[in-house]
Amino acid sequence: MLGPGYTQVWRSNFRWTGLGVGMNLSVGGAVVRNLVLHADLRGVWLGNPKQRSAGRNSDFDADIVLDSAGAGLTYYFMPHNIYATGSIGVGVFAFEDDAGGASKNSKAGLTLSGAIGKEWWVGSDWGLGVAGQVSYIRARDYVDDKRLHGLAVNVLFSATYN
């Protein structure tokens, strides 16, 4: 899955917001009819977001990446090929300097993600579709151990092999 979205990252006295890109890769299989268990790799890239600190707005000369790995379940409502999916995992925030140098990662924390989507069959084993996804991550900052939060809302385009 891949697509655009809006992302917000915050901690006490700081907030970063902007348009980003969400990406997901899930690998798994059906455990019973219409129910899929899968391993997930997820990422959200937020390039040069707007920063709000101490009541002032400014540009933030770095990218923020929300990375996670976890496990999830997807249920397909057939014959309409509409699905609901959710996952839980472990993730980090990566603050990547625009100068091409330093990357600072947060400590690992909890990630949650959920989506609702629709796919259309384009072959006997392939489906293409679209989904709305909400992802949340909570971790500790690398600077002072304060809690960081991230929320991303994405429209993702999907390709599924079954």
Protein backbone atom coordinates (compact mmCIF):
# COMPACT_ATOMS: atom_id res chain seq x y z
CA MET A 1 0.00 0.00 0.00
CA LEU A 2 1.18 3.51 -0.77
CA GLY A 3 -0.46 6.91 -0.65
CA PRO A 4 -0.66 10.50 0.56
CA GLY A 5 -1.88 11.76 3.89
CA TYR A 6 -1.71 14.23 6.73
CA THR A 7 0.61 13.63 9.69
CA GLN A 8 1.00 15.28 13.07
CA VAL A 9 3.79 14.60 15.59
CA TRP A 10 3.76 16.22 19.02
CA ARG A 11 5.34 16.36 22.44
CA SER A 12 5.19 18.89 25.24
CA ASN A 13 5.77 22.39 23.79
CA PHE A 14 6.35 21.13 20.19
CA ARG A 15 4.07 20.16 17.29
CA TRP A 16 5.08 19.21 13.73
CA THR A 17 2.42 18.94 11.00
CA GLY A 18 2.22 18.50 7.27
CA LEU A 19 1.46 16.35 4.27
CA GLY A 20 3.26 13.05 4.10
CA VAL A 21 3.37 9.65 2.43
CA GLY A 22 2.24 6.39 4.02
CA MET A 23 3.63 2.98 3.04
CA ASN A 24 2.65 -0.53 4.17
CA LEU A 25 3.83 -4.03 3.37
CA SER A 26 1.90 -6.98 4.80
CA VAL A 27 2.73 -10.65 4.31
CA GLY A 28 0.50 -13.42 5.60
CA GLY A 29 -2.19 -15.92 4.85
CA ALA A 30 -5.77 -16.92 5.57
CA VAL A 31 -6.29 -18.70 8.89
CA VAL A 32 -10.00 -19.25 8.19
CA ARG A 33 -12.23 -18.15 5.31
CA ASN A 34 -11.98 -14.34 4.80
CA LEU A 35 -9.66 -13.82 7.82
CA VAL A 36 -5.97 -13.11 7.18
CA LEU A 37 -3.17 -13.04 9.77
CA HIS A 38 -0.13 -11.01 8.64
CA ALA A 39 3.20 -9.47 9.60
CA ASP A 40 3.40 -5.74 8.84
CA LEU A 41 6.07 -3.19 8.02
CA ARG A 42 4.70 0.36 8.03
CA GLY A 43 6.18 3.77 7.47
CA VAL A 44 5.06 7.36 7.23
CA TRP A 45 7.35 10.06 5.83
CA LEU A 46 6.75 13.68 6.84
CA GLY A 47 9.04 15.96 4.82
CA ASN A 48 10.00 19.36 6.22
CA PRO A 49 6.91 19.82 8.38
CA LYS A 50 5.69 23.04 9.93
CA GLN A 51 6.82 23.39 13.54
CA ARG A 52 4.95 25.13 16.35
CA SER A 53 6.88 25.82 19.53
CA ALA A 54 6.32 28.32 22.34
CA GLY A 55 3.40 29.81 20.40
CA ARG A 56 5.49 30.46 17.28
CA ASN A 57 5.32 28.84 13.84
CA SER A 58 8.44 28.02 11.84
CA ASP A 59 9.79 25.62 9.25
CA PHE A 60 11.52 22.46 10.47
CA ASP A 61 14.63 21.67 8.43
CA ALA A 62 14.43 17.91 8.83
CA ASP A 63 12.20 15.02 7.88
CA ILE A 64 10.33 12.90 10.41
CA VAL A 65 9.77 9.22 9.65
CA LEU A 66 7.46 6.99 11.66
CA ASP A 67 8.59 3.36 11.24
CA SER A 68 6.95 0.26 12.71
CA ALA A 69 6.81 -3.51 12.54
CA GLY A 70 4.03 -5.65 13.95
CA ALA A 71 1.27 -8.15 13.41
CA GLY A 72 -2.27 -7.70 12.18
CA LEU A 73 -5.57 -9.21 11.15
CA THR A 74 -7.65 -8.43 8.07
CA TYR A 75 -11.24 -9.53 7.49
CA TYR A 76 -12.77 -9.51 4.00
CA PHE A 77 -16.53 -8.98 3.66
CA MET A 78 -17.33 -11.06 0.61
CA PRO A 79 -18.57 -11.01 -2.10
CA HIS A 80 -18.08 -7.20 -2.01
CA ASN A 81 -14.31 -7.47 -1.37
CA ILE A 82 -14.48 -4.78 1.31
CA TYR A 83 -12.05 -5.24 4.18
CA ALA A 84 -11.22 -4.00 7.66
CA THR A 85 -7.71 -4.39 8.99
CA GLY A 86 -5.88 -3.61 12.21
CA SER A 87 -2.40 -4.10 13.56
CA ILE A 88 -0.31 -3.58 16.65
CA GLY A 89 3.45 -3.31 16.78
CA VAL A 90 6.62 -1.58 17.84
CA GLY A 91 7.90 1.58 16.19
CA VAL A 92 10.25 4.55 16.33
CA PHE A 93 10.38 8.15 15.18
CA ALA A 94 13.43 9.03 13.07
CA PHE A 95 14.38 12.71 12.79
CA GLU A 96 16.54 12.97 9.66
CA ASP A 97 18.64 16.08 9.03
CA ASP A 98 18.12 17.71 5.59
CA ALA A 99 21.86 18.23 5.28
CA GLY A 100 22.17 14.52 4.52
CA GLY A 101 23.81 13.72 7.80
CA ALA A 102 22.48 12.88 11.20
CA SER A 103 19.46 10.78 12.02
CA LYS A 104 18.19 10.68 15.58
CA ASN A 105 15.81 7.89 16.54
CA SER A 106 13.42 7.81 19.44
CA LYS A 107 13.23 4.87 21.78
CA ALA A 108 10.91 2.09 20.59
CA GLY A 109 7.24 2.46 21.44
CA LEU A 110 3.72 1.24 20.73
CA THR A 111 2.09 1.51 17.29
CA LEU A 112 -1.55 0.95 16.35
CA SER A 113 -3.06 1.06 12.89
CA GLY A 114 -6.49 0.49 11.37
CA ALA A 115 -7.93 0.76 7.86
CA ILE A 116 -11.06 0.14 5.85
CA GLY A 117 -10.77 -0.50 2.13
CA LYS A 118 -12.23 -1.86 -1.07
CA GLU A 119 -10.50 -3.94 -3.72
CA TRP A 120 -11.48 -4.93 -7.25
CA TRP A 121 -10.29 -8.13 -8.90
CA VAL A 122 -8.04 -7.47 -11.91
CA GLY A 123 -7.06 -11.10 -12.41
CA SER A 124 -7.74 -14.49 -10.90
CA ASP A 125 -5.25 -13.81 -8.04
CA TRP A 126 -4.78 -10.00 -8.02
CA GLY A 127 -6.83 -7.20 -6.52
CA LEU A 128 -6.28 -3.43 -6.74
CA GLY A 129 -7.95 -1.03 -4.35
CA VAL A 130 -8.04 1.96 -2.09
CA ALA A 131 -8.21 2.31 1.69
CA GLY A 132 -8.46 4.93 4.40
CA GLN A 133 -5.95 4.34 7.21
CA VAL A 134 -5.30 5.86 10.63
CA SER A 135 -1.99 5.12 12.40
CA TYR A 136 -0.81 6.11 15.87
CA ILE A 137 2.63 5.80 17.45
CA ARG A 138 3.80 6.61 20.98
CA ALA A 139 7.48 6.53 21.99
CA ARG A 140 10.07 8.31 24.15
CA ASP A 141 12.12 11.18 22.71
CA TYR A 142 15.87 10.68 22.25
CA VAL A 143 16.59 14.16 23.65
CA ASP A 144 15.03 14.12 27.11
CA ASP A 145 12.95 10.93 27.37
CA LYS A 146 9.64 12.84 27.11
CA ARG A 147 6.75 11.15 25.35
CA LEU A 148 6.34 11.68 21.59
CA HIS A 149 3.04 11.01 19.80
CA GLY A 150 2.33 10.67 16.09
CA LEU A 151 -0.95 10.43 14.21
CA ALA A 152 -1.20 9.86 10.45
CA VAL A 153 -4.32 9.73 8.29
CA ASN A 154 -3.66 8.33 4.80
CA VAL A 155 -5.47 7.38 1.62
CA LEU A 156 -3.61 4.31 0.40
CA PHE A 157 -3.70 2.49 -2.91
CA SER A 158 -3.30 -1.25 -2.60
CA ALA A 159 -2.27 -4.27 -4.62
CA THR A 160 -3.07 -7.68 -3.12
CA TYR A 161 -1.99 -11.11 -4.30
CA ASN A 162 -4.18 -13.94 -3.07
